[in-house]
Amino acid sequence: MAERIPRVPVREQDPKVRATNFDEVCFGYNEAEATLEASRCLHCKNPRCVGACPVGIDIPGFIARVAQGDFPGAASVIARDSSLPAVCGRVCPQETQCEGSCIMGVRFEPVAIGKLERFVADWTREHPDKAPAPEVAPANGHKVAVIGSGPAGLACAGDLAKMGYDVTVFEALHKAGGVLEYGIPEFRLPKDSVLRHEIGAVADLGVRFETNVIVGRTVSIDSLMDEEGFEAVFVGTGAGLPKFMGIPGENLNGVFSANEFLTRNNLMKAFRPDYLTPIHAGRKVCVVGGGNVAMDAARTALRLGAEVHIVYRRTEAELPARREEVHHAVEEGIVFDMLTNPVEILGDEKGWVRALRCIRMELGEPDESGRRSPVPVPGSEFEIPTETVIMALGTSPNPLIAKTTAGLETGRRGGITADPDGATTRKGIFAGGDAVSGAATVILAMGAGRRAAAAIDRYIRG
């Protein structure tokens, strides 16, 4: 019986070893492990896992094929709904989505859906001669522009290309991938082997990528539509504008946003000795925040040789980061200073950070989101000696597109106003992902990109 087979553990690098390198932490399943884990699926009549997947992958369908050893068939099932399976299998918060809804998880451990998706994607990449050919409709003569090559833009572009559209993706940076390229560390998502392959698969559908194009500076949305003949535009520019606390000392040398720190290390390869990108970690680092970005920044700084503290104003139970990321950070030796809130960054006589002044917190009444609000404990201030402070407090959408495009409205937090299908206040312009919602997850952005692709198709055909 499937329920009597325990969940197959995934092999990982030893924590002491991986804390010194940028190689991928998880090794993933081999064929035998994947087939055994897939056999645990109960193939429910009403699979809740599918409803909990933002892109609606036929999860029981692909898992059944893995259990039979039909890995190309499994890849075909996934490809109908996802253009980034190797990415999603690695970075999606499965525990709160598909796996969190798995019936097996009521009494036992849920099926390792994410690890199986990763296995199928990796197997397909390693056996290109057995990879299923994507189904692409004949060219229909219509042009669509996609702004931003992150998960929302890639999902939208991939779906439109399969429908026969002539799609061009415009990317501001020198490499496609958006937050997948600049925000997620190498040890969670290898760029050259995994990410480049998945973006290449989107390009193989006929999608063109133009990098180093800042829409709103180099070109405008109006010029793309009026002069270059694009009939619709999808804005998937993400949320790359970092937030700070507004406390004294944030202008000292040695204070960074997590965005800058991770971009230098990931996109600009500062961790590699053959690259000359400057990056400052120092001997002691404090990362302020408790989300996945905070874990990524902390684990990156650790690998650059620092002693690292994560400073978070609530308890471990309220950490918004994935459980797996927190577990890995603890294993690697990162110190968690919980119920602690920074009030000032202290500098030395040369203008460099020397300490983070904090105050102890206690949990009070629940806030709007239902989480208990942290309240300062009077007289409990103390200092943490540090050379670097990394602020990982979330990000908001860049206002450039909205400011340079007449008739495009934004909400209170700077996100582009759009309906659930991505239609904005300007005819022919659609938007989705973090550019609309603010910082969220890769898979939610992909879901928004897919919905927008369907809406763009209806708009152009109608």
Protein backbone atom coordinates (compact mmCIF):
# COMPACT_ATOMS: atom_id res chain seq x y z
CA MET A 1 0.00 0.00 0.00
CA ALA A 2 1.21 3.48 -0.91
CA GLU A 3 0.55 4.84 2.58
CA ARG A 4 2.91 2.28 4.14
CA ILE A 5 5.91 3.44 2.12
CA PRO A 6 7.68 6.25 4.00
CA ARG A 7 8.53 9.40 2.08
CA VAL A 8 11.82 8.91 0.23
CA PRO A 9 14.41 11.35 1.64
CA VAL A 10 16.42 13.48 -0.77
CA ARG A 11 20.21 13.30 -0.64
CA GLU A 12 22.05 16.53 0.23
CA GLN A 13 25.56 17.89 0.63
CA ASP A 14 26.92 17.65 4.16
CA PRO A 15 26.21 20.98 5.94
CA LYS A 16 29.85 21.56 6.95
CA VAL A 17 31.01 21.00 3.36
CA ARG A 18 28.28 22.98 1.60
CA ALA A 19 28.74 26.00 3.90
CA THR A 20 32.06 26.53 2.10
CA ASN A 21 30.89 26.21 -1.53
CA PHE A 22 28.19 27.40 -3.93
CA ASP A 23 27.37 23.94 -5.32
CA GLU A 24 23.74 22.86 -5.19
CA VAL A 25 22.66 21.70 -1.73
CA CYS A 26 20.14 19.04 -2.81
CA PHE A 27 21.20 16.25 -5.16
CA GLY A 28 17.66 15.27 -6.10
CA TYR A 29 16.25 11.78 -6.71
CA ASN A 30 17.73 9.09 -8.91
CA GLU A 31 15.45 6.90 -11.05
CA ALA A 32 14.87 4.26 -8.36
CA GLU A 33 14.13 6.84 -5.65
CA ALA A 34 11.77 8.79 -7.92
CA THR A 35 9.87 5.66 -8.98
CA LEU A 36 9.47 4.55 -5.35
CA GLU A 37 8.31 8.00 -4.18
CA ALA A 38 5.86 8.24 -7.10
CA SER A 39 4.32 4.93 -6.05
CA ARG A 40 3.10 6.63 -2.85
CA CYS A 41 0.54 8.75 -4.77
CA LEU A 42 -3.07 7.73 -4.06
CA HIS A 43 -4.44 9.14 -7.38
CA CYS A 44 -7.41 10.78 -5.70
CA LYS A 45 -10.63 11.25 -7.67
CA ASN A 46 -10.59 14.95 -6.76
CA PRO A 47 -6.87 15.78 -6.52
CA ARG A 48 -6.57 18.78 -4.21
CA CYS A 49 -2.90 19.14 -5.20
CA VAL A 50 -3.89 20.29 -8.71
CA GLY A 51 -6.24 22.96 -7.33
CA ALA A 52 -3.44 24.21 -5.06
CA CYS A 53 -0.95 24.53 -7.95
CA PRO A 54 -1.04 28.10 -9.34
CA VAL A 55 -0.34 26.84 -12.88
CA GLY A 56 -2.64 23.82 -12.62
CA ILE A 57 -0.20 21.01 -13.46
CA ASP A 58 -1.84 17.55 -13.77
CA ILE A 59 0.12 16.28 -10.78
CA PRO A 60 -1.39 12.77 -10.47
CA GLY A 61 -0.98 12.38 -14.25
CA PHE A 62 2.75 13.08 -14.29
CA ILE A 63 3.39 11.13 -11.08
CA ALA A 64 1.62 8.05 -12.50
CA ARG A 65 4.02 8.10 -15.43
CA VAL A 66 7.04 8.44 -13.13
CA ALA A 67 5.81 5.40 -11.18
CA GLN A 68 5.67 3.45 -14.47
CA GLY A 69 9.19 4.59 -15.43
CA ASP A 70 7.77 6.63 -18.33
CA PHE A 71 9.82 9.76 -17.73
CA PRO A 72 9.32 11.30 -21.22
CA GLY A 73 5.56 10.86 -20.70
CA ALA A 74 5.79 12.60 -17.32
CA ALA A 75 7.67 15.48 -18.96
CA SER A 76 4.94 15.80 -21.61
CA VAL A 77 2.25 16.10 -18.93
CA ILE A 78 4.17 18.81 -17.04
CA ALA A 79 5.02 20.70 -20.25
CA ARG A 80 1.33 21.31 -20.95
CA ASP A 81 1.18 23.72 -18.01
CA SER A 82 4.72 24.70 -16.98
CA SER A 83 7.69 25.97 -18.95
CA LEU A 84 10.00 26.02 -15.89
CA PRO A 85 9.72 22.61 -14.16
CA ALA A 86 13.35 22.40 -13.03
CA VAL A 87 13.04 25.87 -11.49
CA CYS A 88 9.69 25.20 -9.79
CA GLY A 89 10.84 21.83 -8.51
CA ARG A 90 13.65 23.63 -6.71
CA VAL A 91 12.24 26.93 -5.46
CA CYS A 92 8.42 26.61 -5.16
CA PRO A 93 6.93 26.59 -1.64
CA GLN A 94 5.36 23.18 -2.21
CA GLU A 95 4.67 22.72 1.49
CA THR A 96 2.02 25.48 1.38
CA GLN A 97 0.70 24.68 -2.10
CA CYS A 98 0.52 21.24 -3.82
CA GLU A 99 2.12 19.21 -1.03
CA GLY A 100 0.24 21.18 1.61
CA SER A 101 -3.01 19.94 0.02
CA CYS A 102 -1.89 16.32 -0.53
CA ILE A 103 -4.33 13.83 1.03
CA MET A 104 -1.39 11.62 2.06
CA GLY A 105 -0.25 14.48 4.26
CA VAL A 106 -3.32 14.16 6.50
CA ARG A 107 -2.01 10.99 8.18
CA PHE A 108 1.46 10.53 6.68
CA GLU A 109 4.11 12.61 4.94
CA PRO A 110 2.77 14.19 1.72
CA VAL A 111 4.06 12.95 -1.63
CA ALA A 112 7.29 14.80 -2.56
CA ILE A 113 5.67 16.49 -5.56
CA GLY A 114 8.35 19.16 -5.91
CA LYS A 115 11.23 16.70 -5.81
CA LEU A 116 9.47 14.53 -8.43
CA GLU A 117 8.90 17.52 -10.71
CA ARG A 118 12.57 18.41 -10.39
CA PHE A 119 13.55 14.81 -11.16
CA VAL A 120 11.48 14.76 -14.36
CA ALA A 121 12.92 18.09 -15.51
CA ASP A 122 16.50 17.07 -14.74
CA TRP A 123 16.07 13.66 -16.40
CA THR A 124 14.73 15.36 -19.53
CA ARG A 125 17.64 17.78 -19.62
CA GLU A 126 20.13 14.91 -19.26
CA HIS A 127 18.38 12.85 -22.02
CA PRO A 128 17.73 15.46 -24.74
CA ASP A 129 17.16 12.77 -27.37
CA LYS A 130 14.18 11.51 -25.35
CA ALA A 131 12.72 14.92 -24.51
CA PRO A 132 9.16 15.38 -25.84
CA ALA A 133 8.75 17.89 -28.66
CA PRO A 134 6.53 20.83 -27.61
CA GLU A 135 3.26 21.37 -29.45
CA VAL A 136 3.37 24.75 -31.20
CA ALA A 137 0.52 26.11 -33.31
CA PRO A 138 1.29 27.56 -36.78
CA ALA A 139 2.32 31.24 -36.82
CA ASN A 140 -0.76 33.48 -36.67
CA GLY A 141 0.91 36.74 -37.75
CA HIS A 142 0.29 38.65 -34.50
CA LYS A 143 3.09 40.30 -32.47
CA VAL A 144 3.17 40.52 -28.66
CA ALA A 145 5.83 42.19 -26.49
CA VAL A 146 6.71 40.85 -23.05
CA ILE A 147 8.58 43.21 -20.72
CA GLY A 148 10.68 41.38 -18.17
CA SER A 149 12.14 37.86 -18.41
CA GLY A 150 11.36 36.68 -14.90
CA PRO A 151 8.92 33.85 -14.14
CA ALA A 152 5.79 35.85 -15.11
CA GLY A 153 7.28 36.98 -18.42
CA LEU A 154 8.69 33.55 -19.29
CA ALA A 155 5.38 31.79 -18.57
CA CYS A 156 3.41 34.36 -20.59
CA ALA A 157 5.87 34.26 -23.52
CA GLY A 158 5.96 30.45 -23.57
CA ASP A 159 2.17 30.09 -23.65
CA LEU A 160 1.76 32.77 -26.35
CA ALA A 161 4.46 31.17 -28.52
CA LYS A 162 2.68 27.78 -28.28
CA MET A 163 -0.47 29.54 -29.55
CA GLY A 164 1.42 30.78 -32.62
CA TYR A 165 2.21 34.36 -31.60
CA ASP A 166 5.40 36.20 -32.59
CA VAL A 167 6.77 37.04 -29.12
CA THR A 168 9.69 39.27 -28.16
CA VAL A 169 10.85 39.51 -24.53
CA PHE A 170 12.61 42.72 -23.48
CA GLU A 171 14.98 42.42 -20.50
CA ALA A 172 16.72 45.36 -18.78
CA LEU A 173 19.72 43.34 -17.55
CA HIS A 174 22.38 41.59 -19.62
CA LYS A 175 21.01 38.10 -18.94
CA ALA A 176 17.47 36.78 -19.16
CA GLY A 177 15.85 35.26 -16.08
CA GLY A 178 14.86 38.20 -13.89
CA VAL A 179 14.71 37.30 -10.21
CA LEU A 180 15.63 33.68 -11.07
CA GLU A 181 18.98 34.97 -12.36
CA TYR A 182 19.79 37.80 -9.93
CA GLY A 183 17.83 36.89 -6.79
CA ILE A 184 18.17 33.14 -6.15
CA PRO A 185 21.64 31.83 -5.18
CA GLU A 186 23.56 29.26 -7.18
CA PHE A 187 23.31 26.68 -4.38
CA ARG A 188 19.51 26.68 -4.73
CA LEU A 189 19.23 27.20 -8.50
CA PRO A 190 22.29 26.49 -10.69
CA LYS A 191 22.28 29.07 -13.47
CA ASP A 192 24.38 27.64 -16.31
CA SER A 193 23.05 24.10 -16.17
CA VAL A 194 19.44 24.50 -15.02
CA LEU A 195 18.18 28.06 -15.61
CA ARG A 196 19.87 28.60 -18.98
CA HIS A 197 18.40 25.29 -20.21
CA GLU A 198 14.84 26.24 -19.20
CA ILE A 199 15.12 29.69 -20.79
CA GLY A 200 16.58 27.99 -23.87
CA ALA A 201 13.48 25.78 -24.04
CA VAL A 202 11.30 28.92 -24.15
CA ALA A 203 13.54 30.33 -26.91
CA ASP A 204 13.15 27.05 -28.82
CA LEU A 205 9.41 27.79 -29.03
CA GLY A 206 10.34 30.79 -31.19
CA VAL A 207 10.47 33.46 -28.47
CA ARG A 208 13.10 36.18 -29.11
CA PHE A 209 15.01 37.77 -26.21
CA GLU A 210 16.39 41.31 -26.36
CA THR A 211 18.57 42.11 -23.33
CA ASN A 212 19.92 45.48 -22.14
CA VAL A 213 16.62 47.15 -23.09
CA ILE A 214 15.10 49.31 -20.35
CA VAL A 215 11.48 49.91 -21.32
CA GLY A 216 10.67 53.40 -20.11
CA ARG A 217 14.20 54.58 -20.96
CA THR A 218 15.59 52.86 -24.09
CA VAL A 219 12.10 52.49 -25.60
CA SER A 220 8.57 53.16 -24.38
CA ILE A 221 5.50 50.95 -24.42
CA ASP A 222 3.87 53.49 -26.74
CA SER A 223 6.72 53.21 -29.26
CA LEU A 224 6.55 49.40 -29.14
CA MET A 225 2.84 49.50 -29.95
CA ASP A 226 2.68 52.50 -32.30
CA GLU A 227 5.97 52.14 -34.21
CA GLU A 228 7.02 48.49 -33.92
CA GLY A 229 3.63 46.88 -34.45
CA PHE A 230 3.12 45.01 -31.19
CA GLU A 231 -0.62 44.49 -30.76
CA ALA A 232 -0.43 43.73 -27.03
CA VAL A 233 2.14 44.12 -24.25
CA PHE A 234 2.58 42.09 -21.09
CA VAL A 235 4.38 43.83 -18.21
CA GLY A 236 6.17 41.35 -15.96
CA THR A 237 8.87 43.60 -14.53
CA GLY A 238 8.72 42.17 -11.00
CA ALA A 239 9.36 44.03 -7.78
CA GLY A 240 12.97 45.13 -7.69
CA LEU A 241 12.74 48.28 -5.57
CA PRO A 242 14.22 47.49 -2.12
CA LYS A 243 12.70 48.62 1.17
CA PHE A 244 14.64 50.01 4.14
CA MET A 245 13.67 50.57 7.78
CA GLY A 246 14.31 54.32 7.93
CA ILE A 247 16.46 53.99 11.07
CA PRO A 248 19.61 56.08 11.81
CA GLY A 249 22.80 54.76 10.21
CA GLU A 250 21.33 53.19 7.08
CA ASN A 251 23.64 55.35 4.93
CA LEU A 252 26.82 53.97 6.52
CA ASN A 253 29.31 51.99 4.43
CA GLY A 254 28.54 48.29 4.81
CA VAL A 255 24.74 48.59 4.65
CA PHE A 256 23.14 46.88 1.65
CA SER A 257 19.75 45.87 0.41
CA ALA A 258 19.48 42.12 -0.09
CA ASN A 259 18.70 42.92 -3.73
CA GLU A 260 22.08 44.54 -4.34
CA PHE A 261 23.99 41.93 -2.35
CA LEU A 262 22.38 39.00 -4.17
CA THR A 263 22.57 40.65 -7.61
CA ARG A 264 26.32 41.20 -7.24
CA ASN A 265 26.78 37.59 -6.21
CA ASN A 266 24.33 35.81 -8.52
CA LEU A 267 24.08 37.77 -11.76
CA MET A 268 27.56 39.31 -11.56
CA LYS A 269 29.23 36.15 -10.16
CA ALA A 270 31.06 37.86 -7.28
CA PHE A 271 31.50 34.47 -5.57
CA ARG A 272 33.79 33.27 -8.37
CA PRO A 273 37.51 34.13 -8.18
CA ASP A 274 37.68 34.63 -11.97
CA TYR A 275 35.15 37.52 -11.76
CA LEU A 276 36.21 40.94 -10.48
CA THR A 277 32.77 42.02 -9.17
CA PRO A 278 33.31 43.70 -5.77
CA ILE A 279 31.27 42.39 -2.85
CA HIS A 280 31.58 43.19 0.85
CA ALA A 281 30.65 40.61 3.46
CA GLY A 282 33.27 41.08 6.16
CA ARG A 283 33.81 38.81 9.12
CA LYS A 284 30.39 39.41 10.73
CA VAL A 285 27.08 40.00 8.94
CA CYS A 286 23.60 40.79 10.25
CA VAL A 287 20.69 40.08 7.90
CA VAL A 288 17.47 41.86 8.90
CA GLY A 289 14.29 39.97 7.91
CA GLY A 290 12.83 36.47 7.98
CA GLY A 291 11.72 35.63 4.44
CA ASN A 292 13.30 33.49 1.73
CA VAL A 293 15.37 36.45 0.52
CA ALA A 294 16.79 36.87 4.04
CA MET A 295 17.76 33.17 4.08
CA ASP A 296 19.36 33.50 0.63
CA ALA A 297 21.37 36.56 1.66
CA ALA A 298 22.45 34.99 4.95
CA ARG A 299 23.51 31.68 3.39
CA THR A 300 25.39 33.58 0.65
CA ALA A 301 27.27 35.70 3.20
CA LEU A 302 28.15 32.53 5.15
CA ARG A 303 29.68 31.02 2.01
CA LEU A 304 31.71 34.19 1.51
CA GLY A 305 33.33 33.51 4.89
CA ALA A 306 31.28 35.54 7.38
CA GLU A 307 29.74 34.69 10.73
CA VAL A 308 26.06 35.43 10.10
CA HIS A 309 23.15 36.47 12.30
CA ILE A 310 19.53 36.68 11.10
CA VAL A 311 17.72 39.39 13.05
CA TYR A 312 13.94 38.93 13.10
CA ARG A 313 11.33 40.70 15.20
CA ARG A 314 8.98 37.73 15.67
CA THR A 315 9.54 34.09 16.72
CA GLU A 316 10.61 31.15 14.58
CA ALA A 317 6.96 30.07 14.26
CA GLU A 318 6.19 33.31 12.35
CA LEU A 319 9.16 33.14 9.96
CA PRO A 320 7.72 33.56 6.44
CA ALA A 321 10.62 31.69 4.82
CA ARG A 322 10.20 28.10 3.63
CA ARG A 323 10.78 25.50 6.33
CA GLU A 324 13.44 23.83 4.17
CA GLU A 325 15.39 27.10 3.87
CA VAL A 326 15.27 27.74 7.62
CA HIS A 327 16.32 24.13 8.29
CA HIS A 328 19.27 24.43 5.90
CA ALA A 329 20.34 27.77 7.41
CA VAL A 330 20.31 26.32 10.94
CA GLU A 331 22.25 23.23 9.77
CA GLU A 332 24.88 25.47 8.20
CA GLY A 333 25.49 27.37 11.45
CA ILE A 334 23.62 30.64 10.93
CA VAL A 335 22.57 32.27 14.24
CA PHE A 336 18.92 33.35 14.60
CA ASP A 337 18.29 36.34 16.87
CA MET A 338 14.51 36.09 17.29
CA LEU A 339 12.20 38.68 18.88
CA THR A 340 14.86 41.27 18.03
CA ASN A 341 14.34 44.53 16.15
CA PRO A 342 17.05 46.96 14.93
CA VAL A 343 16.69 50.58 16.10
CA GLU A 344 20.01 52.03 14.84
CA ILE A 345 23.11 51.10 12.86
CA LEU A 346 26.28 52.32 14.58
CA GLY A 347 29.38 53.39 12.68
CA ASP A 348 33.06 53.92 13.37
CA GLU A 349 35.09 57.11 12.82
CA LYS A 350 35.64 56.18 9.13
CA GLY A 351 31.92 55.80 8.36
CA TRP A 352 31.80 51.99 8.32
CA VAL A 353 29.33 49.81 10.22
CA ARG A 354 30.60 48.60 13.62
CA ALA A 355 27.41 47.35 15.33
CA LEU A 356 23.65 46.92 15.05
CA ARG A 357 21.72 48.40 17.98
CA CYS A 358 18.58 46.37 18.68
CA ILE A 359 15.70 46.10 21.13
CA ARG A 360 14.05 42.93 22.44
CA MET A 361 10.46 42.33 21.35
CA GLU A 362 7.49 40.38 22.66
CA LEU A 363 4.40 39.27 20.75
CA GLY A 364 1.23 41.27 21.36
CA GLU A 365 -2.17 41.18 19.68
CA PRO A 366 -2.62 39.79 16.12
CA ASP A 367 -2.25 42.29 13.24
CA GLU A 368 -4.38 42.53 10.05
CA SER A 369 -2.81 39.35 8.63
CA GLY A 370 -3.55 37.37 11.79
CA ARG A 371 0.09 37.27 12.93
CA ARG A 372 0.74 38.58 16.42
CA SER A 373 2.31 42.04 16.32
CA PRO A 374 5.73 42.43 17.94
CA VAL A 375 5.92 45.01 20.74
CA PRO A 376 9.20 46.50 22.09
CA VAL A 377 10.32 45.55 25.61
CA PRO A 378 11.26 48.88 27.31
CA GLY A 379 14.89 49.16 28.41
CA SER A 380 16.04 46.01 26.59
CA GLU A 381 18.36 47.64 24.01
CA PHE A 382 21.63 45.87 23.19
CA GLU A 383 24.28 45.82 20.45
CA ILE A 384 25.37 43.10 18.03
CA PRO A 385 28.92 43.80 16.75
CA THR A 386 28.92 43.54 12.95
CA GLU A 387 30.71 44.83 9.84
CA THR A 388 27.82 44.42 7.38
CA VAL A 389 24.06 44.88 7.58
CA ILE A 390 21.85 43.43 4.83
CA MET A 391 18.24 44.64 4.74
CA ALA A 392 15.91 41.88 3.49
CA LEU A 393 12.58 43.56 4.18
CA GLY A 394 10.76 42.95 0.94
CA THR A 395 10.60 44.87 -2.31
CA SER A 396 8.07 46.91 -4.25
CA PRO A 397 7.49 47.39 -8.00
CA ASN A 398 9.71 49.86 -9.87
CA PRO A 399 7.56 52.89 -10.85
CA LEU A 400 9.36 53.47 -14.20
CA ILE A 401 6.85 51.73 -16.51
CA ALA A 402 3.81 53.35 -14.90
CA LYS A 403 5.43 56.81 -14.96
CA THR A 404 6.28 56.59 -18.65
CA THR A 405 3.02 55.03 -19.88
CA ALA A 406 -0.05 57.30 -20.01
CA GLY A 407 -3.27 55.78 -18.69
CA LEU A 408 -1.59 52.98 -16.71
CA GLU A 409 -2.88 53.21 -13.15
CA THR A 410 -1.10 51.92 -10.06
CA GLY A 411 -2.34 50.93 -6.61
CA ARG A 412 -1.47 52.27 -3.19
CA ARG A 413 1.72 50.15 -2.95
CA GLY A 414 2.98 50.97 -6.41
CA GLY A 415 1.79 47.83 -8.19
CA ILE A 416 0.17 48.17 -11.62
CA THR A 417 -3.62 47.95 -11.35
CA ALA A 418 -4.84 44.83 -13.17
CA ASP A 419 -7.81 42.48 -13.06
CA PRO A 420 -7.34 38.74 -12.27
CA ASP A 421 -6.61 38.06 -15.98
CA GLY A 422 -3.96 40.79 -16.12
CA ALA A 423 -5.90 43.45 -18.05
CA THR A 424 -4.76 46.92 -16.94
CA THR A 425 -6.49 50.30 -17.21
CA ARG A 426 -4.91 50.75 -20.66
CA LYS A 427 -6.31 48.82 -23.62
CA GLY A 428 -3.88 46.20 -24.99
CA ILE A 429 -1.56 46.36 -21.97
CA PHE A 430 -1.58 43.46 -19.53
CA ALA A 431 0.46 42.92 -16.36
CA GLY A 432 1.07 40.20 -13.80
CA GLY A 433 3.34 38.79 -11.13
CA ASP A 434 5.22 40.93 -8.64
CA ALA A 435 4.74 44.05 -10.83
CA VAL A 436 1.09 43.86 -9.79
CA SER A 437 1.08 42.08 -6.42
CA GLY A 438 4.40 43.16 -4.95
CA ALA A 439 6.98 40.54 -3.99
CA ALA A 440 5.47 37.02 -3.99
CA THR A 441 6.53 33.56 -5.21
CA VAL A 442 7.89 32.30 -8.53
CA ILE A 443 4.92 29.99 -9.11
CA LEU A 444 2.31 32.68 -8.38
CA ALA A 445 4.05 34.93 -10.92
CA MET A 446 3.98 32.09 -13.46
CA GLY A 447 0.27 31.57 -12.83
CA ALA A 448 -0.34 35.28 -13.47
CA GLY A 449 1.71 35.11 -16.68
CA ARG A 450 -0.32 32.14 -17.94
CA ARG A 451 -3.66 33.82 -17.20
CA ALA A 452 -2.47 36.96 -18.98
CA ALA A 453 -1.38 34.94 -22.04
CA ALA A 454 -4.89 33.47 -22.32
CA ALA A 455 -6.40 36.95 -21.91
CA ILE A 456 -4.07 38.42 -24.56
CA ASP A 457 -5.11 35.65 -26.95
CA ARG A 458 -8.81 36.45 -26.35
CA TYR A 459 -8.12 40.18 -26.74
CA ILE A 460 -6.29 39.86 -30.07
CA ARG A 461 -8.69 37.31 -31.54
CA GLY A 462 -11.67 39.38 -30.39
